[in-house]
Amino acid sequence: MTPSSLNAPKSLEETTSWIIGRVAYYVRLPAEEIAVDASLADYGLDSVYAFSLSADIEDEFGVTADPTLLWDFETVAALAEYLVNGGGQE
């Protein structure tokens, strides 16, 4: 991916909202039911979804996102903060 194709940096609020939307999609729940401080594993986000979500993160943020990232930063809030602070940048 070239630098010109990367999306512009997002705020913490935008990043949090985006993650909530993706998690809600994968676990088939309304976004309003995804709590920012709950463990993603509590929603049933398994390794298959972790691979998919990490690919979504790479596409959306232009960063490297190993699927284990979802276990290292296991809440929406922690993951969003990591991404906003440049996590995964090479």
PDB file of N, CA and C in Angstrom:
ATOM      1  N   MET A   1       0.852  -1.172   0.000  1.00  0.00           N
ATOM      2  CA  MET A   1       0.000   0.000   0.000  1.00  0.00           C
ATOM      3  C   MET A   1       0.900   1.238   0.000  1.00  0.00           C
ATOM      4  N   THR A   2       0.640   2.158  -0.851  1.00  0.00           N
ATOM      5  CA  THR A   2       1.455   3.359  -0.919  1.00  0.00           C
ATOM      6  C   THR A   2       0.935   4.397   0.047  1.00  0.00           C
ATOM      7  N   PRO A   3       1.810   5.296   0.516  1.00  0.00           N
ATOM      8  CA  PRO A   3       1.363   6.320   1.458  1.00  0.00           C
ATOM      9  C   PRO A   3       0.192   7.146   0.944  1.00  0.00           C
ATOM     10  N   SER A   4       0.112   7.374  -0.350  1.00  0.00           N
ATOM     11  CA  SER A   4      -0.982   8.189  -0.880  1.00  0.00           C
ATOM     12  C   SER A   4      -2.330   7.468  -0.801  1.00  0.00           C
ATOM     13  N   SER A   5      -2.305   6.136  -0.647  1.00  0.00           N
ATOM     14  CA  SER A   5      -3.562   5.408  -0.578  1.00  0.00           C
ATOM     15  C   SER A   5      -4.047   5.181   0.848  1.00  0.00           C
ATOM     16  N   LEU A   6      -3.262   5.548   1.826  1.00  0.00           N
ATOM     17  CA  LEU A   6      -3.658   5.371   3.215  1.00  0.00           C
ATOM     18  C   LEU A   6      -4.741   6.361   3.599  1.00  0.00           C
ATOM     19  N   ASN A   7      -5.643   5.930   4.448  1.00  0.00           N
ATOM     20  CA  ASN A   7      -6.688   6.824   4.942  1.00  0.00           C
ATOM     21  C   ASN A   7      -6.089   7.846   5.888  1.00  0.00           C
ATOM     22  N   ALA A   8      -6.727   8.978   5.963  1.00  0.00           N
ATOM     23  CA  ALA A   8      -6.282  10.027   6.871  1.00  0.00           C
ATOM     24  C   ALA A   8      -6.408   9.541   8.309  1.00  0.00           C
ATOM     25  N   PRO A   9      -5.560  10.045   9.200  1.00  0.00           N
ATOM     26  CA  PRO A   9      -5.663   9.653  10.611  1.00  0.00           C
ATOM     27  C   PRO A   9      -7.060   9.943  11.155  1.00  0.00           C
ATOM     28  N   LYS A  10      -7.498   9.087  12.046  1.00  0.00           N
ATOM     29  CA  LYS A  10      -8.825   9.224  12.634  1.00  0.00           C
ATOM     30  C   LYS A  10      -8.702   9.612  14.102  1.00  0.00           C
ATOM     31  N   SER A  11      -9.715  10.266  14.597  1.00  0.00           N
ATOM     32  CA  SER A  11      -9.751  10.615  16.014  1.00  0.00           C
ATOM     33  C   SER A  11     -10.062   9.361  16.824  1.00  0.00           C
ATOM     34  N   LEU A  12      -9.894   9.456  18.132  1.00  0.00           N
ATOM     35  CA  LEU A  12     -10.216   8.337  19.004  1.00  0.00           C
ATOM     36  C   LEU A  12     -11.695   7.988  18.884  1.00  0.00           C
ATOM     37  N   GLU A  13     -12.548   8.989  18.804  1.00  0.00           N
ATOM     38  CA  GLU A  13     -13.987   8.753  18.674  1.00  0.00           C
ATOM     39  C   GLU A  13     -14.320   8.042  17.360  1.00  0.00           C
ATOM     40  N   GLU A  14     -13.738   8.491  16.257  1.00  0.00           N
ATOM     41  CA  GLU A  14     -13.979   7.859  14.954  1.00  0.00           C
ATOM     42  C   GLU A  14     -13.463   6.426  14.933  1.00  0.00           C
ATOM     43  N   THR A  15     -12.294   6.221  15.507  1.00  0.00           N
ATOM     44  CA  THR A  15     -11.701   4.887  15.545  1.00  0.00           C
ATOM     45  C   THR A  15     -12.542   3.952  16.392  1.00  0.00           C
ATOM     46  N   THR A  16     -12.978   4.426  17.548  1.00  0.00           N
ATOM     47  CA  THR A  16     -13.823   3.628  18.434  1.00  0.00           C
ATOM     48  C   THR A  16     -15.117   3.247  17.728  1.00  0.00           C
ATOM     49  N   SER A  17     -15.739   4.200  17.085  1.00  0.00           N
ATOM     50  CA  SER A  17     -16.982   3.955  16.363  1.00  0.00           C
ATOM     51  C   SER A  17     -16.782   2.942  15.239  1.00  0.00           C
ATOM     52  N   TRP A  18     -15.682   3.064  14.519  1.00  0.00           N
ATOM     53  CA  TRP A  18     -15.387   2.147  13.426  1.00  0.00           C
ATOM     54  C   TRP A  18     -15.211   0.726  13.959  1.00  0.00           C
ATOM     55  N   ILE A  19     -14.439   0.561  15.041  1.00  0.00           N
ATOM     56  CA  ILE A  19     -14.221  -0.767  15.621  1.00  0.00           C
ATOM     57  C   ILE A  19     -15.543  -1.356  16.102  1.00  0.00           C
ATOM     58  N   ILE A  20     -16.346  -0.559  16.778  1.00  0.00           N
ATOM     59  CA  ILE A  20     -17.651  -1.028  17.251  1.00  0.00           C
ATOM     60  C   ILE A  20     -18.480  -1.529  16.068  1.00  0.00           C
ATOM     61  N   GLY A  21     -18.486  -0.791  14.980  1.00  0.00           N
ATOM     62  CA  GLY A  21     -19.240  -1.188  13.805  1.00  0.00           C
ATOM     63  C   GLY A  21     -18.774  -2.513  13.233  1.00  0.00           C
ATOM     64  N   ARG A  22     -17.465  -2.714  13.172  1.00  0.00           N
ATOM     65  CA  ARG A  22     -16.930  -3.967  12.629  1.00  0.00           C
ATOM     66  C   ARG A  22     -17.227  -5.128  13.572  1.00  0.00           C
ATOM     67  N   VAL A  23     -17.037  -4.931  14.873  1.00  0.00           N
ATOM     68  CA  VAL A  23     -17.324  -6.001  15.837  1.00  0.00           C
ATOM     69  C   VAL A  23     -18.805  -6.354  15.780  1.00  0.00           C
ATOM     70  N   ALA A  24     -19.658  -5.355  15.760  1.00  0.00           N
ATOM     71  CA  ALA A  24     -21.105  -5.595  15.697  1.00  0.00           C
ATOM     72  C   ALA A  24     -21.455  -6.396  14.444  1.00  0.00           C
ATOM     73  N   TYR A  25     -20.844  -6.057  13.339  1.00  0.00           N
ATOM     74  CA  TYR A  25     -21.083  -6.792  12.092  1.00  0.00           C
ATOM     75  C   TYR A  25     -20.704  -8.263  12.240  1.00  0.00           C
ATOM     76  N   TYR A  26     -19.513  -8.525  12.770  1.00  0.00           N
ATOM     77  CA  TYR A  26     -19.040  -9.903  12.871  1.00  0.00           C
ATOM     78  C   TYR A  26     -19.818 -10.738  13.869  1.00  0.00           C
ATOM     79  N   VAL A  27     -20.232 -10.133  14.963  1.00  0.00           N
ATOM     80  CA  VAL A  27     -20.949 -10.916  15.985  1.00  0.00           C
ATOM     81  C   VAL A  27     -22.461 -10.797  15.858  1.00  0.00           C
ATOM     82  N   ARG A  28     -22.899 -10.051  14.847  1.00  0.00           N
ATOM     83  CA  ARG A  28     -24.323  -9.904  14.536  1.00  0.00           C
ATOM     84  C   ARG A  28     -25.136  -9.364  15.712  1.00  0.00           C
ATOM     85  N   LEU A  29     -24.642  -8.261  16.258  1.00  0.00           N
ATOM     86  CA  LEU A  29     -25.350  -7.543  17.315  1.00  0.00           C
ATOM     87  C   LEU A  29     -25.487  -6.089  16.885  1.00  0.00           C
ATOM     88  N   PRO A  30     -26.488  -5.382  17.409  1.00  0.00           N
ATOM     89  CA  PRO A  30     -26.559  -3.943  17.151  1.00  0.00           C
ATOM     90  C   PRO A  30     -25.331  -3.255  17.768  1.00  0.00           C
ATOM     91  N   ALA A  31     -24.827  -2.254  17.090  1.00  0.00           N
ATOM     92  CA  ALA A  31     -23.647  -1.538  17.585  1.00  0.00           C
ATOM     93  C   ALA A  31     -23.856  -1.008  19.002  1.00  0.00           C
ATOM     94  N   GLU A  32     -25.089  -0.655  19.334  1.00  0.00           N
ATOM     95  CA  GLU A  32     -25.390  -0.119  20.661  1.00  0.00           C
ATOM     96  C   GLU A  32     -25.125  -1.135  21.773  1.00  0.00           C
ATOM     97  N   GLU A  33     -25.049  -2.408  21.418  1.00  0.00           N
ATOM     98  CA  GLU A  33     -24.822  -3.453  22.413  1.00  0.00           C
ATOM     99  C   GLU A  33     -23.343  -3.777  22.620  1.00  0.00           C
ATOM    100  N   ILE A  34     -22.470  -3.125  21.874  1.00  0.00           N
ATOM    101  CA  ILE A  34     -21.032  -3.358  22.013  1.00  0.00           C
ATOM    102  C   ILE A  34     -20.472  -2.319  22.972  1.00  0.00           C
ATOM    103  N   ALA A  35     -20.016  -2.775  24.140  1.00  0.00           N
ATOM    104  CA  ALA A  35     -19.451  -1.885  25.157  1.00  0.00           C
ATOM    105  C   ALA A  35     -17.955  -1.696  24.899  1.00  0.00           C
ATOM    106  N   VAL A  36     -17.485  -0.473  25.029  1.00  0.00           N
ATOM    107  CA  VAL A  36     -16.087  -0.185  24.728  1.00  0.00           C
ATOM    108  C   VAL A  36     -15.125  -0.815  25.727  1.00  0.00           C
ATOM    109  N   ASP A  37     -15.613  -1.138  26.920  1.00  0.00           N
ATOM    110  CA  ASP A  37     -14.723  -1.678  27.949  1.00  0.00           C
ATOM    111  C   ASP A  37     -14.918  -3.175  28.203  1.00  0.00           C
ATOM    112  N   ALA A  38     -15.725  -3.836  27.388  1.00  0.00           N
ATOM    113  CA  ALA A  38     -15.931  -5.281  27.521  1.00  0.00           C
ATOM    114  C   ALA A  38     -14.905  -6.019  26.673  1.00  0.00           C
ATOM    115  N   SER A  39     -14.519  -7.195  27.124  1.00  0.00           N
ATOM    116  CA  SER A  39     -13.585  -8.021  26.370  1.00  0.00           C
ATOM    117  C   SER A  39     -14.235  -8.440  25.052  1.00  0.00           C
ATOM    118  N   LEU A  40     -13.483  -8.331  23.976  1.00  0.00           N
ATOM    119  CA  LEU A  40     -13.991  -8.748  22.668  1.00  0.00           C
ATOM    120  C   LEU A  40     -14.311 -10.239  22.667  1.00  0.00           C
ATOM    121  N   ALA A  41     -13.587 -11.008  23.438  1.00  0.00           N
ATOM    122  CA  ALA A  41     -13.858 -12.447  23.534  1.00  0.00           C
ATOM    123  C   ALA A  41     -15.238 -12.707  24.131  1.00  0.00           C
ATOM    124  N   ASP A  42     -15.707 -11.807  24.988  1.00  0.00           N
ATOM    125  CA  ASP A  42     -17.034 -11.968  25.588  1.00  0.00           C
ATOM    126  C   ASP A  42     -18.145 -11.920  24.543  1.00  0.00           C
ATOM    127  N   TYR A  43     -17.869 -11.326  23.404  1.00  0.00           N
ATOM    128  CA  TYR A  43     -18.853 -11.249  22.322  1.00  0.00           C
ATOM    129  C   TYR A  43     -18.744 -12.442  21.374  1.00  0.00           C
ATOM    130  N   GLY A  44     -17.819 -13.344  21.668  1.00  0.00           N
ATOM    131  CA  GLY A  44     -17.653 -14.516  20.817  1.00  0.00           C
ATOM    132  C   GLY A  44     -16.762 -14.262  19.614  1.00  0.00           C
ATOM    133  N   LEU A  45     -15.947 -13.228  19.683  1.00  0.00           N
ATOM    134  CA  LEU A  45     -15.033 -12.919  18.580  1.00  0.00           C
ATOM    135  C   LEU A  45     -13.900 -13.947  18.613  1.00  0.00           C
ATOM    136  N   ASP A  46     -14.003 -14.963  17.782  1.00  0.00           N
ATOM    137  CA  ASP A  46     -13.023 -16.049  17.790  1.00  0.00           C
ATOM    138  C   ASP A  46     -11.891 -15.766  16.809  1.00  0.00           C
ATOM    139  N   SER A  47     -11.025 -16.761  16.627  1.00  0.00           N
ATOM    140  CA  SER A  47      -9.841 -16.561  15.789  1.00  0.00           C
ATOM    141  C   SER A  47     -10.186 -16.278  14.328  1.00  0.00           C
ATOM    142  N   VAL A  48     -11.256 -16.855  13.821  1.00  0.00           N
ATOM    143  CA  VAL A  48     -11.663 -16.585  12.432  1.00  0.00           C
ATOM    144  C   VAL A  48     -12.020 -15.112  12.279  1.00  0.00           C
ATOM    145  N   TYR A  49     -12.810 -14.601  13.217  1.00  0.00           N
ATOM    146  CA  TYR A  49     -13.179 -13.188  13.165  1.00  0.00           C
ATOM    147  C   TYR A  49     -11.980 -12.288  13.463  1.00  0.00           C
ATOM    148  N   ALA A  50     -11.074 -12.766  14.287  1.00  0.00           N
ATOM    149  CA  ALA A  50      -9.867 -11.986  14.586  1.00  0.00           C
ATOM    150  C   ALA A  50      -9.046 -11.768  13.321  1.00  0.00           C
ATOM    151  N   PHE A  51      -8.919 -12.802  12.493  1.00  0.00           N
ATOM    152  CA  PHE A  51      -8.207 -12.655  11.219  1.00  0.00           C
ATOM    153  C   PHE A  51      -8.918 -11.646  10.317  1.00  0.00           C
ATOM    154  N   SER A  52     -10.226 -11.740  10.264  1.00  0.00           N
ATOM    155  CA  SER A  52     -10.994 -10.826   9.418  1.00  0.00           C
ATOM    156  C   SER A  52     -10.887  -9.390   9.915  1.00  0.00           C
ATOM    157  N   LEU A  53     -11.039  -9.209  11.217  1.00  0.00           N
ATOM    158  CA  LEU A  53     -10.965  -7.857  11.773  1.00  0.00           C
ATOM    159  C   LEU A  53      -9.567  -7.276  11.636  1.00  0.00           C
ATOM    160  N   SER A  54      -8.542  -8.091  11.807  1.00  0.00           N
ATOM    161  CA  SER A  54      -7.182  -7.566  11.647  1.00  0.00           C
ATOM    162  C   SER A  54      -6.947  -7.141  10.194  1.00  0.00           C
ATOM    163  N   ALA A  55      -7.501  -7.873   9.237  1.00  0.00           N
ATOM    164  CA  ALA A  55      -7.393  -7.468   7.830  1.00  0.00           C
ATOM    165  C   ALA A  55      -8.150  -6.167   7.591  1.00  0.00           C
ATOM    166  N   ASP A  56      -9.310  -6.025   8.216  1.00  0.00           N
ATOM    167  CA  ASP A  56     -10.073  -4.774   8.102  1.00  0.00           C
ATOM    168  C   ASP A  56      -9.265  -3.604   8.655  1.00  0.00           C
ATOM    169  N   ILE A  57      -8.609  -3.824   9.786  1.00  0.00           N
ATOM    170  CA  ILE A  57      -7.789  -2.776  10.415  1.00  0.00           C
ATOM    171  C   ILE A  57      -6.654  -2.383   9.472  1.00  0.00           C
ATOM    172  N   GLU A  58      -5.998  -3.369   8.894  1.00  0.00           N
ATOM    173  CA  GLU A  58      -4.911  -3.072   7.953  1.00  0.00           C
ATOM    174  C   GLU A  58      -5.407  -2.242   6.781  1.00  0.00           C
ATOM    175  N   ASP A  59      -6.564  -2.612   6.231  1.00  0.00           N
ATOM    176  CA  ASP A  59      -7.127  -1.883   5.102  1.00  0.00           C
ATOM    177  C   ASP A  59      -7.547  -0.464   5.492  1.00  0.00           C
ATOM    178  N   GLU A  60      -8.175  -0.325   6.632  1.00  0.00           N
ATOM    179  CA  GLU A  60      -8.724   0.966   7.048  1.00  0.00           C
ATOM    180  C   GLU A  60      -7.660   1.939   7.534  1.00  0.00           C
ATOM    181  N   PHE A  61      -6.659   1.414   8.258  1.00  0.00           N
ATOM    182  CA  PHE A  61      -5.692   2.288   8.911  1.00  0.00           C
ATOM    183  C   PHE A  61      -4.310   2.252   8.275  1.00  0.00           C
ATOM    184  N   GLY A  62      -4.098   1.321   7.341  1.00  0.00           N
ATOM    185  CA  GLY A  62      -2.801   1.245   6.672  1.00  0.00           C
ATOM    186  C   GLY A  62      -1.679   0.843   7.602  1.00  0.00           C
ATOM    187  N   VAL A  63      -1.986  -0.019   8.567  1.00  0.00           N
ATOM    188  CA  VAL A  63      -0.990  -0.490   9.521  1.00  0.00           C
ATOM    189  C   VAL A  63      -0.934  -2.010   9.478  1.00  0.00           C
ATOM    190  N   THR A  64       0.115  -2.566  10.041  1.00  0.00           N
ATOM    191  CA  THR A  64       0.219  -4.004  10.191  1.00  0.00           C
ATOM    192  C   THR A  64      -0.564  -4.406  11.432  1.00  0.00           C
ATOM    193  N   ALA A  65      -1.478  -5.356  11.283  1.00  0.00           N
ATOM    194  CA  ALA A  65      -2.321  -5.775  12.409  1.00  0.00           C
ATOM    195  C   ALA A  65      -2.374  -7.293  12.473  1.00  0.00           C
ATOM    196  N   ASP A  66      -1.540  -7.858  13.302  1.00  0.00           N
ATOM    197  CA  ASP A  66      -1.539  -9.297  13.520  1.00  0.00           C
ATOM    198  C   ASP A  66      -2.827  -9.679  14.242  1.00  0.00           C
ATOM    199  N   PRO A  67      -3.430 -10.811  13.922  1.00  0.00           N
ATOM    200  CA  PRO A  67      -4.673 -11.215  14.605  1.00  0.00           C
ATOM    201  C   PRO A  67      -4.546 -11.304  16.127  1.00  0.00           C
ATOM    202  N   THR A  68      -3.335 -11.537  16.631  1.00  0.00           N
ATOM    203  CA  THR A  68      -3.157 -11.587  18.091  1.00  0.00           C
ATOM    204  C   THR A  68      -3.354 -10.218  18.735  1.00  0.00           C
ATOM    205  N   LEU A  69      -3.391  -9.192  17.935  1.00  0.00           N
ATOM    206  CA  LEU A  69      -3.639  -7.833  18.431  1.00  0.00           C
ATOM    207  C   LEU A  69      -4.924  -7.773  19.254  1.00  0.00           C
ATOM    208  N   LEU A  70      -5.910  -8.581  18.871  1.00  0.00           N
ATOM    209  CA  LEU A  70      -7.199  -8.566  19.559  1.00  0.00           C
ATOM    210  C   LEU A  70      -7.131  -9.219  20.926  1.00  0.00           C
ATOM    211  N   TRP A  71      -6.070  -9.959  21.177  1.00  0.00           N
ATOM    212  CA  TRP A  71      -5.881 -10.518  22.514  1.00  0.00           C
ATOM    213  C   TRP A  71      -4.941  -9.634  23.328  1.00  0.00           C
ATOM    214  N   ASP A  72      -4.069  -8.895  22.646  1.00  0.00           N
ATOM    215  CA  ASP A  72      -3.185  -7.959  23.334  1.00  0.00           C
ATOM    216  C   ASP A  72      -3.950  -6.725  23.801  1.00  0.00           C
ATOM    217  N   PHE A  73      -4.876  -6.274  22.985  1.00  0.00           N
ATOM    218  CA  PHE A  73      -5.716  -5.106  23.291  1.00  0.00           C
ATOM    219  C   PHE A  73      -7.154  -5.611  23.217  1.00  0.00           C
ATOM    220  N   GLU A  74      -7.626  -6.193  24.296  1.00  0.00           N
ATOM    221  CA  GLU A  74      -8.835  -7.010  24.234  1.00  0.00           C
ATOM    222  C   GLU A  74     -10.154  -6.274  24.358  1.00  0.00           C
ATOM    223  N   THR A  75     -10.127  -4.944  24.465  1.00  0.00           N
ATOM    224  CA  THR A  75     -11.375  -4.180  24.471  1.00  0.00           C
ATOM    225  C   THR A  75     -11.368  -3.199  23.305  1.00  0.00           C
ATOM    226  N   VAL A  76     -12.537  -2.727  22.951  1.00  0.00           N
ATOM    227  CA  VAL A  76     -12.643  -1.719  21.893  1.00  0.00           C
ATOM    228  C   VAL A  76     -11.837  -0.480  22.283  1.00  0.00           C
ATOM    229  N   ALA A  77     -11.959  -0.059  23.536  1.00  0.00           N
ATOM    230  CA  ALA A  77     -11.263   1.146  24.005  1.00  0.00           C
ATOM    231  C   ALA A  77      -9.746   0.994  23.889  1.00  0.00           C
ATOM    232  N   ALA A  78      -9.219  -0.144  24.331  1.00  0.00           N
ATOM    233  CA  ALA A  78      -7.774  -0.368  24.280  1.00  0.00           C
ATOM    234  C   ALA A  78      -7.273  -0.445  22.843  1.00  0.00           C
ATOM    235  N   LEU A  79      -8.017  -1.133  21.999  1.00  0.00           N
ATOM    236  CA  LEU A  79      -7.631  -1.268  20.596  1.00  0.00           C
ATOM    237  C   LEU A  79      -7.677   0.081  19.886  1.00  0.00           C
ATOM    238  N   ALA A  80      -8.702   0.853  20.136  1.00  0.00           N
ATOM    239  CA  ALA A  80      -8.829   2.177  19.506  1.00  0.00           C
ATOM    240  C   ALA A  80      -7.686   3.091  19.932  1.00  0.00           C
ATOM    241  N   GLU A  81      -7.364   3.083  21.211  1.00  0.00           N
ATOM    242  CA  GLU A  81      -6.277   3.933  21.704  1.00  0.00           C
ATOM    243  C   GLU A  81      -4.940   3.513  21.063  1.00  0.00           C
ATOM    244  N   TYR A  82      -4.714   2.220  20.961  1.00  0.00           N
ATOM    245  CA  TYR A  82      -3.506   1.707  20.332  1.00  0.00           C
ATOM    246  C   TYR A  82      -3.400   2.201  18.886  1.00  0.00           C
ATOM    247  N   LEU A  83      -4.491   2.092  18.144  1.00  0.00           N
ATOM    248  CA  LEU A  83      -4.491   2.500  16.738  1.00  0.00           C
ATOM    249  C   LEU A  83      -4.299   4.005  16.572  1.00  0.00           C
ATOM    250  N   VAL A  84      -4.970   4.779  17.403  1.00  0.00           N
ATOM    251  CA  VAL A  84      -4.862   6.238  17.309  1.00  0.00           C
ATOM    252  C   VAL A  84      -3.451   6.705  17.642  1.00  0.00           C
ATOM    253  N   ASN A  85      -2.789   5.978  18.519  1.00  0.00           N
ATOM    254  CA  ASN A  85      -1.431   6.345  18.927  1.00  0.00           C
ATOM    255  C   ASN A  85      -0.352   5.759  18.013  1.00  0.00           C
ATOM    256  N   GLY A  86      -0.772   5.317  16.824  1.00  0.00           N
ATOM    257  CA  GLY A  86       0.195   4.881  15.826  1.00  0.00           C
ATOM    258  C   GLY A  86       0.569   3.425  15.895  1.00  0.00           C
ATOM    259  N   GLY A  87      -0.186   2.620  16.614  1.00  0.00           N
ATOM    260  CA  GLY A  87       0.116   1.202  16.712  1.00  0.00           C
ATOM    261  C   GLY A  87       0.158   0.527  15.363  1.00  0.00           C
ATOM    262  N   GLY A  88       1.119  -0.344  15.175  1.00  0.00           N
ATOM    263  CA  GLY A  88       1.226  -1.101  13.948  1.00  0.00           C
ATOM    264  C   GLY A  88       1.949  -0.379  12.821  1.00  0.00           C
ATOM    265  N   GLN A  89       2.330   0.861  13.048  1.00  0.00           N
ATOM    266  CA  GLN A  89       3.054   1.607  11.994  1.00  0.00           C
ATOM    267  C   GLN A  89       4.421   0.996  11.811  1.00  0.00           C
ATOM    268  N   GLU A  90       4.835   0.869  10.578  1.00  0.00           N
ATOM    269  CA  GLU A  90       6.177   0.341  10.297  1.00  0.00           C
ATOM    270  C   GLU A  90       7.094   1.463   9.902  1.00  0.00           C
TER     271      GLU A  90
END
